[in-house]
């Protein structure tokens, strides 16, 4: 996995307590991160929602400089699957 994915896993572990659903972040040209009740890890599997973003957008979401809802509305964050789970994740990252 890339250094970007590994750093993101550590940051997400800090931000997210228990997350009961299954989500996947796909960072363009870097890799994927799975989030579920077992925690956060680099990987690629089935998820209730998949979020796709560039490295810059994803890092902005993690550091709080990019609002996930705004990124989605601007087309910088693509969501495939459960919008409800995506909203839960967005609230957990705020």
Protein backbone atom coordinates (compact mmCIF):
# COMPACT_ATOMS: atom_id res chain seq x y z
CA UNK A 1 0.00 0.00 0.00
CA UNK A 2 1.04 3.57 -0.51
CA UNK A 3 2.28 5.89 2.22
CA UNK A 4 -0.85 7.99 1.65
CA UNK A 5 -3.13 5.03 2.42
CA UNK A 6 -1.11 4.02 5.48
CA UNK A 7 -1.20 7.57 6.87
CA UNK A 8 -4.93 7.80 6.15
CA UNK A 9 -5.58 4.54 8.00
CA UNK A 10 -3.85 5.94 11.10
CA UNK A 11 -5.77 9.23 10.87
CA UNK A 12 -9.13 7.49 10.40
CA UNK A 13 -8.43 5.23 13.39
CA UNK A 14 -8.01 8.38 15.50
CA UNK A 15 -11.20 10.02 14.20
CA UNK A 16 -13.57 7.06 14.15
CA UNK A 17 -14.72 5.25 17.24
CA UNK A 18 -16.98 2.33 16.50
CA UNK A 19 -18.47 2.37 13.01
CA UNK A 20 -21.20 -0.24 12.69
CA UNK A 21 -21.58 -0.10 8.90
CA UNK A 22 -19.11 -0.99 6.15
CA UNK A 23 -17.51 1.69 4.00
CA UNK A 24 -14.67 1.85 1.53
CA UNK A 25 -12.63 4.90 0.58
CA UNK A 26 -10.90 4.68 -2.78
CA UNK A 27 -8.12 7.23 -3.15
CA UNK A 28 -7.35 7.68 -6.85
CA UNK A 29 -3.91 6.29 -7.81
CA UNK A 30 -3.18 5.35 -4.16
CA UNK A 31 -5.36 2.48 -2.97
CA UNK A 32 -8.38 1.62 -0.83
CA UNK A 33 -9.29 1.77 2.84
CA UNK A 34 -11.95 -0.37 4.49
CA UNK A 35 -13.89 0.87 7.54
CA UNK A 36 -16.18 -1.41 9.54
CA UNK A 37 -16.98 -2.60 13.06
CA UNK A 38 -13.56 -4.25 13.27
CA UNK A 39 -11.75 -0.96 12.59
CA UNK A 40 -9.87 0.70 9.76
CA UNK A 41 -7.40 -1.03 7.45
CA UNK A 42 -5.90 -0.84 4.00
CA UNK A 43 -7.81 -3.18 1.73
CA UNK A 44 -10.42 -3.65 -0.92
CA UNK A 45 -13.62 -5.53 -0.26
CA UNK A 46 -17.39 -5.37 -0.40
CA UNK A 47 -18.92 -2.35 1.35
CA UNK A 48 -22.32 -0.76 1.85
CA UNK A 49 -20.92 2.46 0.41
CA UNK A 50 -17.84 3.28 -1.64
CA UNK A 51 -16.44 6.82 -1.69
CA UNK A 52 -14.02 7.85 -4.43
CA UNK A 53 -11.86 10.97 -4.26
CA UNK A 54 -8.49 12.33 -5.29
CA UNK A 55 -5.65 12.35 -2.79
CA UNK A 56 -6.05 16.10 -2.27
CA UNK A 57 -9.78 15.89 -1.60
CA UNK A 58 -9.41 12.93 0.73
CA UNK A 59 -6.63 14.61 2.72
CA UNK A 60 -8.77 17.75 2.97
CA UNK A 61 -11.67 15.74 4.34
CA UNK A 62 -9.38 14.16 6.93
CA UNK A 63 -7.80 17.41 8.08
CA UNK A 64 -11.13 19.26 8.13
CA UNK A 65 -10.34 21.77 5.40
CA UNK A 66 -12.83 20.11 2.98
CA UNK A 67 -16.45 19.49 3.91
CA UNK A 68 -17.52 16.04 2.60
CA UNK A 69 -21.00 17.30 1.59
CA UNK A 70 -19.50 20.23 -0.32
CA UNK A 71 -16.96 17.94 -2.02
CA UNK A 72 -19.84 15.67 -3.10
CA UNK A 73 -21.90 18.59 -4.45
CA UNK A 74 -18.87 19.86 -6.39
CA UNK A 75 -18.22 16.43 -7.90
CA UNK A 76 -14.91 16.00 -6.07
CA UNK A 77 -16.28 13.10 -4.00
CA UNK A 78 -18.21 10.32 -5.71
CA UNK A 79 -20.48 8.02 -3.73
CA UNK A 80 -21.69 4.57 -4.82
CA UNK A 81 -24.08 2.73 -2.54
CA UNK A 82 -25.92 3.73 0.61
CA UNK A 83 -26.23 7.49 0.95
CA UNK A 84 -27.31 6.98 4.58
CA UNK A 85 -24.05 5.21 5.44
CA UNK A 86 -22.11 7.90 3.58
CA UNK A 87 -23.84 10.56 5.70
CA UNK A 88 -23.03 8.64 8.91
CA UNK A 89 -19.40 8.50 7.89
CA UNK A 90 -19.39 12.19 7.00
CA UNK A 91 -20.76 13.08 10.44
CA UNK A 92 -18.21 10.83 12.15
CA UNK A 93 -15.37 12.59 10.29
CA UNK A 94 -16.59 16.09 11.17
